[in-house]
């Protein structure tokens, strides 16, 4: 078992790749009474087209199938995994993103039993036509709920504008039409291809003893048979060279909502340089539009933005973008003001050099504070996005950043060809 000590954090991460390919990460935390575990497959809503395991011909499955599969995994022929977790005092959940599906639990006792429950239900699918059809109604209600939510429509609508004709343009849950096409055989095929241990990781953090915990996991996995690992052939359509520049949507909202999306048209670096890129973006946008930035305060005082304003930086497999959103009495003024700041980002960042160290210290402090949460550690950990680097390297990466790094990264990222505007205005 490999041990990696992070002196900045005072943490030691234990890891091992099992013979079936499952990547296991264990982080003991002294003083915690709870243990939190996340089992993740590198499979999300964008993975609609692929060559099945041991197959030769590509298939394309309905939008929303990764999310549908996540819902159905808990239900078995004679029990429900939620009930098994509850029997052992565990609380469980799951979530699907564009690129990942994760299953998790937290518990204060019976770690071995809860771990075995997690491994068993995720690796043992059970679907019938009757249960799949029943789930269509449940997920259909969820889709309708999101369709009625202006914040959800603003976010996913902006993503769709940034990546037209891409799987990213589809809602993670799919549509009523797409999920109606899902059959049990589709779910079994997706599970067989993407839920192989070699495409999955298990992260356990909290009260645990590494050698004992790893022994439980190994015993569970050695009792099962899996197909020989093979590279997954994912098929994505070529990215559109342009974004959809503007959309306007009427919904029953009291105040207009404005959203600005920026798609990275540049090629992301690899390994730890990708983590450096993401952290440089984060500091750059904090300097430009954080709550202490002069432009933020000026726009706030003028009433162009309010407390609803915020932005989100997202890097994932196959895409990177920033989405800025907020309620605005005058969406056009909101958009013009933000775009003007972006167009003059280089000069504004150069003028903000006196605030750089304070912003840098704040970012380091925020990262260190996140390690007080078991959930934050496990849910933010991604063992493939940054090569050999991970969130445990983030403090050192942020400390090493310079103002020159920030300016160069922002210049590389911000492109007028990658900007999309979306407004949601009152109407029916």
Protein backbone atom coordinates (compact mmCIF):
# COMPACT_ATOMS: atom_id res chain seq x y z
CA UNK A 1 0.00 0.00 0.00
CA UNK A 2 1.43 3.35 -1.08
CA UNK A 3 1.69 6.19 1.43
CA UNK A 4 1.82 9.85 0.41
CA UNK A 5 2.44 12.39 3.19
CA UNK A 6 1.38 16.00 2.65
CA UNK A 7 3.31 18.15 5.11
CA UNK A 8 1.29 21.32 4.36
CA UNK A 9 -1.84 19.53 5.51
CA UNK A 10 -0.45 17.09 8.04
CA UNK A 11 -2.24 14.30 6.18
CA UNK A 12 -1.16 10.88 4.94
CA UNK A 13 -3.07 9.36 2.02
CA UNK A 14 -2.92 5.58 1.60
CA UNK A 15 -3.63 4.14 -1.84
CA UNK A 16 -3.53 0.91 -3.80
CA UNK A 17 -4.80 -0.29 -7.15
CA UNK A 18 -6.32 -3.73 -6.74
CA UNK A 19 -5.74 -6.60 -9.15
CA UNK A 20 -9.15 -5.94 -10.78
CA UNK A 21 -8.20 -2.31 -11.42
CA UNK A 22 -10.20 -0.65 -8.62
CA UNK A 23 -8.29 2.37 -7.25
CA UNK A 24 -8.62 2.61 -3.46
CA UNK A 25 -7.75 5.71 -1.42
CA UNK A 26 -7.84 5.79 2.38
CA UNK A 27 -7.45 8.92 4.50
CA UNK A 28 -7.56 8.31 8.29
CA UNK A 29 -8.63 11.38 10.26
CA UNK A 30 -7.82 11.41 13.97
CA UNK A 31 -10.53 12.91 16.13
CA UNK A 32 -13.42 12.16 13.77
CA UNK A 33 -16.15 9.75 14.83
CA UNK A 34 -17.67 9.48 11.37
CA UNK A 35 -16.44 7.76 8.22
CA UNK A 36 -17.43 8.89 4.73
CA UNK A 37 -16.95 6.81 1.58
CA UNK A 38 -17.49 7.59 -2.09
CA UNK A 39 -17.35 5.07 -4.93
CA UNK A 40 -17.09 6.81 -8.30
CA UNK A 41 -17.20 5.65 -11.89
CA UNK A 42 -15.65 7.75 -14.63
CA UNK A 43 -19.01 7.82 -16.42
CA UNK A 44 -21.43 10.69 -16.73
CA UNK A 45 -24.13 12.18 -18.88
CA UNK A 46 -21.81 13.04 -21.79
CA UNK A 47 -20.81 9.39 -22.30
CA UNK A 48 -23.73 8.56 -24.56
CA UNK A 49 -21.74 7.07 -27.47
CA UNK A 50 -19.14 4.36 -26.95
CA UNK A 51 -17.91 0.94 -28.00
CA UNK A 52 -19.20 -1.61 -25.45
CA UNK A 53 -16.77 -3.73 -23.48
CA UNK A 54 -15.54 -6.58 -25.71
CA UNK A 55 -17.53 -5.09 -28.60
CA UNK A 56 -16.47 -3.62 -31.94
CA UNK A 57 -19.41 -1.50 -33.13
CA UNK A 58 -20.21 1.83 -31.46
CA UNK A 59 -23.58 2.42 -29.82
CA UNK A 60 -25.41 5.61 -28.87
CA UNK A 61 -27.68 5.50 -25.84
CA UNK A 62 -30.47 7.92 -24.85
CA UNK A 63 -29.60 11.16 -23.06
CA UNK A 64 -29.98 10.82 -19.29
CA UNK A 65 -29.09 7.14 -19.08
CA UNK A 66 -26.16 7.64 -16.64
CA UNK A 67 -28.48 9.45 -14.22
CA UNK A 68 -31.22 6.83 -14.77
CA UNK A 69 -28.73 4.06 -14.01
CA UNK A 70 -27.71 5.81 -10.79
CA UNK A 71 -31.35 5.84 -9.65
CA UNK A 72 -31.90 2.18 -10.46
CA UNK A 73 -28.74 0.80 -8.84
CA UNK A 74 -30.20 0.92 -5.31
CA UNK A 75 -33.13 -1.36 -6.11
CA UNK A 76 -32.47 -5.11 -6.07
CA UNK A 77 -34.64 -8.18 -6.59
CA UNK A 78 -35.35 -8.72 -2.89
CA UNK A 79 -34.22 -5.56 -1.11
CA UNK A 80 -33.30 -1.91 -1.40
CA UNK A 81 -29.71 -0.81 -0.69
CA UNK A 82 -30.98 2.24 1.22
CA UNK A 83 -32.58 -0.13 3.75
CA UNK A 84 -29.38 -2.15 4.12
CA UNK A 85 -27.37 0.99 4.87
CA UNK A 86 -29.99 2.10 7.37
CA UNK A 87 -29.82 -1.30 9.10
CA UNK A 88 -26.12 -0.69 9.76
CA UNK A 89 -26.60 2.96 10.76
CA UNK A 90 -25.39 4.35 7.45
CA UNK A 91 -26.82 7.24 5.47
CA UNK A 92 -26.44 6.86 1.70
CA UNK A 93 -26.92 8.88 -1.45
CA UNK A 94 -25.69 9.22 -5.03
CA UNK A 95 -25.24 11.87 -7.71
CA UNK A 96 -24.46 12.11 -11.42
CA UNK A 97 -22.52 14.85 -13.17
CA UNK A 98 -21.53 15.40 -16.78
CA UNK A 99 -18.52 13.09 -16.35
CA UNK A 100 -18.94 11.05 -13.14
CA UNK A 101 -21.42 9.02 -11.14
CA UNK A 102 -20.79 8.66 -7.42
CA UNK A 103 -22.34 6.51 -4.69
CA UNK A 104 -21.67 7.40 -1.07
CA UNK A 105 -22.44 6.72 2.57
CA UNK A 106 -21.56 8.14 5.95
CA UNK A 107 -21.62 6.15 9.17
CA UNK A 108 -20.32 6.21 12.74
CA UNK A 109 -20.35 2.41 13.21
CA UNK A 110 -20.24 -0.81 11.18
CA UNK A 111 -17.72 0.47 8.65
CA UNK A 112 -16.99 -3.00 7.27
CA UNK A 113 -20.68 -3.82 6.73
CA UNK A 114 -21.39 -0.45 5.11
CA UNK A 115 -18.36 -0.72 2.83
CA UNK A 116 -19.43 -4.18 1.72
CA UNK A 117 -22.95 -2.89 1.09
CA UNK A 118 -21.56 -0.09 -1.08
CA UNK A 119 -19.31 -2.38 -3.10
CA UNK A 120 -21.99 -5.05 -3.50
CA UNK A 121 -24.90 -2.93 -4.64
CA UNK A 122 -22.83 -0.85 -7.07
CA UNK A 123 -21.31 -3.96 -8.65
CA UNK A 124 -24.48 -6.07 -8.81
CA UNK A 125 -27.09 -4.54 -11.15
CA UNK A 126 -30.72 -5.63 -11.23
CA UNK A 127 -33.20 -4.25 -13.76
CA UNK A 128 -36.55 -5.43 -15.09
CA UNK A 129 -38.89 -3.87 -17.60
CA UNK A 130 -41.44 -3.24 -14.86
CA UNK A 131 -39.04 -1.46 -12.49
CA UNK A 132 -37.48 0.55 -15.33
CA UNK A 133 -40.88 1.75 -16.52
CA UNK A 134 -41.81 2.72 -12.97
CA UNK A 135 -38.62 4.75 -12.67
CA UNK A 136 -39.46 6.65 -15.86
CA UNK A 137 -42.38 8.23 -14.09
CA UNK A 138 -40.28 9.20 -11.08
CA UNK A 139 -37.46 10.71 -13.11
CA UNK A 140 -39.98 12.35 -15.43
CA UNK A 141 -41.36 14.27 -12.45
CA UNK A 142 -37.80 15.29 -11.53
CA UNK A 143 -37.20 16.57 -15.07
CA UNK A 144 -40.45 18.56 -14.98
CA UNK A 145 -39.43 20.07 -11.65
CA UNK A 146 -36.10 21.24 -13.08
CA UNK A 147 -37.87 22.62 -16.14
CA UNK A 148 -39.94 24.82 -13.82
CA UNK A 149 -36.87 26.03 -11.91
CA UNK A 150 -35.43 29.24 -13.43
CA UNK A 151 -32.02 28.72 -11.83
CA UNK A 152 -31.73 25.25 -13.34
CA UNK A 153 -32.91 26.50 -16.72
CA UNK A 154 -30.38 29.33 -16.59
CA UNK A 155 -27.47 27.02 -15.75
CA UNK A 156 -28.18 24.15 -18.12
CA UNK A 157 -29.35 26.53 -20.83
CA UNK A 158 -26.04 28.36 -20.67
CA UNK A 159 -24.11 25.07 -20.82
CA UNK A 160 -26.13 24.14 -23.91
CA UNK A 161 -25.29 27.50 -25.49
CA UNK A 162 -21.59 26.97 -24.83
CA UNK A 163 -21.50 23.46 -26.29
CA UNK A 164 -24.10 23.26 -29.09
CA UNK A 165 -24.60 19.85 -30.69
CA UNK A 166 -22.57 18.22 -27.90
CA UNK A 167 -23.78 15.78 -25.21
CA UNK A 168 -23.07 18.61 -22.75
CA UNK A 169 -26.06 20.39 -24.28
CA UNK A 170 -28.35 17.68 -22.89
CA UNK A 171 -29.64 17.94 -19.34
CA UNK A 172 -27.92 15.44 -17.04
CA UNK A 173 -31.31 13.87 -16.33
CA UNK A 174 -32.19 13.77 -20.04
CA UNK A 175 -35.62 14.68 -21.39
CA UNK A 176 -39.04 13.05 -21.13
CA UNK A 177 -38.56 11.80 -24.69
CA UNK A 178 -35.05 10.41 -24.17
CA UNK A 179 -35.69 8.53 -20.92
CA UNK A 180 -38.80 6.95 -22.43
CA UNK A 181 -36.46 5.08 -24.81
CA UNK A 182 -34.37 3.48 -22.02
CA UNK A 183 -34.67 -0.28 -21.67
CA UNK A 184 -33.16 -2.75 -19.16
CA UNK A 185 -30.66 -4.00 -21.77
CA UNK A 186 -29.38 -0.42 -22.22
CA UNK A 187 -28.74 -0.15 -18.50
CA UNK A 188 -26.98 -3.52 -18.34
CA UNK A 189 -24.78 -2.54 -21.29
CA UNK A 190 -23.80 0.79 -19.71
CA UNK A 191 -23.08 -0.91 -16.39
CA UNK A 192 -20.98 -3.63 -18.02
CA UNK A 193 -18.89 -1.05 -19.87
CA UNK A 194 -18.47 1.76 -17.35
CA UNK A 195 -18.84 0.08 -13.96
CA UNK A 196 -15.86 -2.19 -14.39
CA UNK A 197 -13.54 -1.79 -11.35
CA UNK A 198 -10.76 -0.49 -13.61
CA UNK A 199 -12.96 2.55 -14.39
CA UNK A 200 -13.82 3.19 -10.75
CA UNK A 201 -12.31 4.51 -7.54
CA UNK A 202 -13.18 4.19 -3.86
CA UNK A 203 -12.27 6.98 -1.44
CA UNK A 204 -12.76 6.44 2.31
CA UNK A 205 -12.03 9.17 4.85
CA UNK A 206 -12.56 9.54 8.60
CA UNK A 207 -12.29 7.07 11.43
CA UNK A 208 -10.53 4.06 9.92
CA UNK A 209 -7.45 1.90 10.18
CA UNK A 210 -5.86 1.72 6.69
CA UNK A 211 -4.54 -1.87 6.70
CA UNK A 212 -7.73 -3.29 8.20
CA UNK A 213 -9.98 -1.30 5.85
CA UNK A 214 -7.99 -2.29 2.77
CA UNK A 215 -8.15 -5.95 3.84
CA UNK A 216 -11.97 -5.77 4.00
CA UNK A 217 -12.12 -4.23 0.52
CA UNK A 218 -9.69 -6.76 -0.96
CA UNK A 219 -11.62 -9.68 0.54
CA UNK A 220 -14.85 -8.36 -0.93
CA UNK A 221 -13.39 -7.87 -4.38
CA UNK A 222 -11.47 -11.15 -4.51
CA UNK A 223 -14.73 -13.05 -4.00
CA UNK A 224 -16.13 -11.63 -7.26
CA UNK A 225 -15.35 -12.24 -10.89
CA UNK A 226 -14.95 -9.45 -13.41
CA UNK A 227 -14.20 -9.31 -17.11
CA UNK A 228 -10.64 -8.55 -18.12
CA UNK A 229 -10.00 -4.78 -17.99
CA UNK A 230 -10.00 -3.02 -21.35
CA UNK A 231 -9.71 0.63 -22.40
CA UNK A 232 -13.09 2.31 -22.88
CA UNK A 233 -13.62 3.76 -26.35
CA UNK A 234 -15.73 6.87 -25.82
CA UNK A 235 -17.06 8.70 -28.87
CA UNK A 236 -17.71 12.43 -28.76
CA UNK A 237 -18.79 14.53 -31.74
CA UNK A 238 -16.29 17.21 -32.73
CA UNK A 239 -16.68 20.39 -30.69
CA UNK A 240 -18.48 23.26 -32.37
CA UNK A 241 -16.03 26.08 -33.15
CA UNK A 242 -18.61 28.65 -32.01
CA UNK A 243 -21.02 29.12 -29.14
CA UNK A 244 -24.64 30.26 -29.31
CA UNK A 245 -24.12 33.94 -28.55
CA UNK A 246 -27.49 34.91 -27.10
CA UNK A 247 -30.79 33.41 -25.94
CA UNK A 248 -33.81 34.89 -24.20
CA UNK A 249 -36.39 32.83 -22.34
CA UNK A 250 -39.69 33.86 -20.76
CA UNK A 251 -40.67 32.27 -17.45
CA UNK A 252 -42.91 33.24 -14.52
CA UNK A 253 -40.15 35.01 -12.55
CA UNK A 254 -40.46 38.21 -10.55
CA UNK A 255 -37.10 39.62 -11.64
CA UNK A 256 -35.01 38.96 -14.76
CA UNK A 257 -32.03 36.66 -14.50
CA UNK A 258 -28.87 37.21 -16.53
CA UNK A 259 -26.23 34.56 -17.15
CA UNK A 260 -22.87 34.93 -18.88
CA UNK A 261 -20.98 31.82 -19.86
CA UNK A 262 -17.36 31.70 -21.03
CA UNK A 263 -16.20 28.54 -22.72
CA UNK A 264 -12.49 27.85 -22.71
CA UNK A 265 -11.49 27.69 -26.36
CA UNK A 266 -7.88 27.00 -25.39
CA UNK A 267 -6.37 23.55 -24.86
CA UNK A 268 -6.00 22.59 -21.23
CA UNK A 269 -2.56 21.62 -19.93
CA UNK A 270 -2.09 18.19 -18.37
CA UNK A 271 -1.11 16.91 -14.94
CA UNK A 272 -0.35 19.34 -12.15
CA UNK A 273 -0.26 22.18 -14.68
CA UNK A 274 -4.01 21.70 -15.10
CA UNK A 275 -4.49 22.19 -11.36
CA UNK A 276 -2.31 25.29 -11.59
CA UNK A 277 -4.46 26.55 -14.49
CA UNK A 278 -7.67 26.06 -12.50
CA UNK A 279 -6.29 27.79 -9.40
CA UNK A 280 -4.97 30.67 -11.51
CA UNK A 281 -8.45 31.11 -13.01
CA UNK A 282 -9.96 31.08 -9.54
CA UNK A 283 -7.63 33.78 -8.25
CA UNK A 284 -8.03 35.80 -11.45
CA UNK A 285 -11.81 35.91 -11.20
CA UNK A 286 -11.59 36.69 -7.49
CA UNK A 287 -9.39 39.69 -8.29
CA UNK A 288 -11.78 40.82 -11.03
CA UNK A 289 -15.21 40.04 -9.61
CA UNK A 290 -14.80 38.86 -6.02
CA UNK A 291 -16.75 40.64 -3.30
CA UNK A 292 -13.79 42.89 -2.42
CA UNK A 293 -12.92 43.78 -6.03
CA UNK A 294 -13.40 47.50 -6.88
CA UNK A 295 -15.52 46.69 -9.94
CA UNK A 296 -17.80 44.40 -7.92
CA UNK A 297 -18.33 47.10 -5.30
CA UNK A 298 -18.96 49.73 -7.98
CA UNK A 299 -21.53 47.60 -9.82
CA UNK A 300 -23.16 46.70 -6.51
CA UNK A 301 -23.46 50.36 -5.47
CA UNK A 302 -25.02 51.18 -8.85
CA UNK A 303 -27.56 48.40 -8.47
CA UNK A 304 -26.35 46.61 -11.60
CA UNK A 305 -25.61 43.49 -9.54
CA UNK A 306 -26.87 42.43 -6.12
CA UNK A 307 -26.35 39.67 -3.55
CA UNK A 308 -27.54 37.07 -6.06
CA UNK A 309 -24.44 37.54 -8.23
CA UNK A 310 -21.96 34.70 -8.31
CA UNK A 311 -19.71 32.72 -10.60
CA UNK A 312 -18.62 29.12 -10.92
CA UNK A 313 -15.42 27.75 -12.48
CA UNK A 314 -15.70 24.22 -13.86
CA UNK A 315 -12.97 21.99 -15.28
CA UNK A 316 -13.90 18.48 -16.26
CA UNK A 317 -13.12 15.82 -18.79
CA UNK A 318 -13.60 17.38 -22.22
CA UNK A 319 -14.65 20.89 -21.18
CA UNK A 320 -13.86 23.94 -19.09
CA UNK A 321 -15.93 27.07 -18.58
CA UNK A 322 -16.96 29.82 -16.19
CA UNK A 323 -20.59 30.77 -15.58
CA UNK A 324 -21.54 34.12 -14.01
CA UNK A 325 -25.14 34.74 -13.04
CA UNK A 326 -27.44 36.92 -11.02
CA UNK A 327 -30.77 38.67 -10.90
CA UNK A 328 -30.75 42.02 -12.69
CA UNK A 329 -33.41 44.67 -13.23
CA UNK A 330 -31.55 45.58 -16.42
CA UNK A 331 -30.00 42.40 -17.90
CA UNK A 332 -28.38 44.32 -20.73
CA UNK A 333 -26.59 46.66 -18.32
CA UNK A 334 -25.49 43.62 -16.30
CA UNK A 335 -24.08 41.92 -19.40
CA UNK A 336 -22.37 45.02 -20.77
CA UNK A 337 -20.70 45.77 -17.44
CA UNK A 338 -19.35 42.26 -16.92
CA UNK A 339 -18.16 41.92 -20.53
CA UNK A 340 -16.37 45.27 -20.27
CA UNK A 341 -14.50 43.99 -17.21
CA UNK A 342 -13.53 40.82 -19.08
CA UNK A 343 -12.36 42.78 -22.13
CA UNK A 344 -10.06 44.87 -19.94
CA UNK A 345 -9.02 42.00 -17.68
CA UNK A 346 -5.28 42.33 -18.33
CA UNK A 347 -5.13 45.99 -17.31
CA UNK A 348 -7.46 45.49 -14.36
CA UNK A 349 -5.43 42.55 -13.06
CA UNK A 350 -2.19 44.49 -13.40
CA UNK A 351 -3.77 47.25 -11.33
CA UNK A 352 -4.87 44.69 -8.72
CA UNK A 353 -1.37 43.43 -7.93
CA UNK A 354 -1.51 45.06 -4.49
CA UNK A 355 -4.43 42.77 -3.58
CA UNK A 356 -2.86 39.59 -4.92
CA UNK A 357 -1.23 38.36 -1.69
CA UNK A 358 -4.44 38.88 0.30
CA UNK A 359 -6.48 36.93 -2.27
CA UNK A 360 -3.81 34.22 -2.38
CA UNK A 361 -3.86 33.85 1.42
CA UNK A 362 -7.65 33.70 1.38
CA UNK A 363 -7.57 30.90 -1.21
CA UNK A 364 -5.07 28.93 0.88
CA UNK A 365 -7.19 29.43 3.98
CA UNK A 366 -10.33 28.29 2.16
CA UNK A 367 -8.57 25.15 0.94
CA UNK A 368 -7.29 24.33 4.41
CA UNK A 369 -10.75 24.95 5.89
CA UNK A 370 -12.31 22.51 3.41
CA UNK A 371 -10.21 19.74 4.98
CA UNK A 372 -12.34 20.05 8.10
CA UNK A 373 -15.15 18.42 6.13
CA UNK A 374 -14.94 14.72 5.30
CA UNK A 375 -17.55 15.20 2.59
CA UNK A 376 -15.64 18.06 0.96
CA UNK A 377 -12.43 16.04 0.83
CA UNK A 378 -14.04 12.95 -0.69
CA UNK A 379 -16.34 14.74 -3.13
CA UNK A 380 -13.64 17.06 -4.46
CA UNK A 381 -11.06 14.33 -4.92
CA UNK A 382 -10.50 13.42 -8.57
CA UNK A 383 -7.68 10.98 -9.24
CA UNK A 384 -7.69 11.39 -13.02
CA UNK A 385 -8.36 15.04 -13.86
CA UNK A 386 -4.92 16.29 -12.78
CA UNK A 387 -2.73 13.29 -13.54
CA UNK A 388 -0.65 12.40 -10.50
CA UNK A 389 -1.74 15.59 -8.71
CA UNK A 390 -4.90 16.03 -6.64
CA UNK A 391 -6.58 18.45 -4.26
CA UNK A 392 -3.92 17.51 -1.68
CA UNK A 393 -1.41 19.40 -3.83
CA UNK A 394 -3.57 22.51 -4.07
CA UNK A 395 -2.11 24.47 -1.18
CA UNK A 396 1.39 24.17 -2.63
CA UNK A 397 0.14 25.07 -6.11
CA UNK A 398 -1.64 28.20 -4.88
CA UNK A 399 1.39 29.27 -2.83
CA UNK A 400 3.59 29.05 -5.93
CA UNK A 401 1.32 31.14 -8.18
CA UNK A 402 2.49 34.58 -9.24
CA UNK A 403 0.65 37.58 -10.63
CA UNK A 404 2.23 36.81 -14.00
CA UNK A 405 0.68 33.31 -13.88
CA UNK A 406 -2.74 34.83 -13.21
CA UNK A 407 -2.57 37.32 -16.07
CA UNK A 408 -1.26 34.77 -18.57
CA UNK A 409 -3.94 32.22 -17.67
CA UNK A 410 -6.75 34.77 -17.89
CA UNK A 411 -5.46 35.99 -21.26
CA UNK A 412 -5.40 32.40 -22.46
CA UNK A 413 -8.91 31.63 -21.22
CA UNK A 414 -10.97 34.73 -22.02
CA UNK A 415 -12.01 34.82 -25.66
CA UNK A 416 -14.86 36.79 -27.22
CA UNK A 417 -15.61 33.75 -29.39
CA UNK A 418 -16.38 31.75 -26.25
CA UNK A 419 -18.88 34.14 -24.58
CA UNK A 420 -22.60 33.35 -24.46
CA UNK A 421 -25.40 35.42 -22.92
CA UNK A 422 -28.72 34.12 -21.62
CA UNK A 423 -31.60 36.03 -20.08
CA UNK A 424 -34.69 34.76 -18.30
CA UNK A 425 -37.33 37.46 -18.22
CA UNK A 426 -40.85 37.64 -16.71
CA UNK A 427 -43.51 36.10 -18.94
CA UNK A 428 -45.59 33.00 -19.49
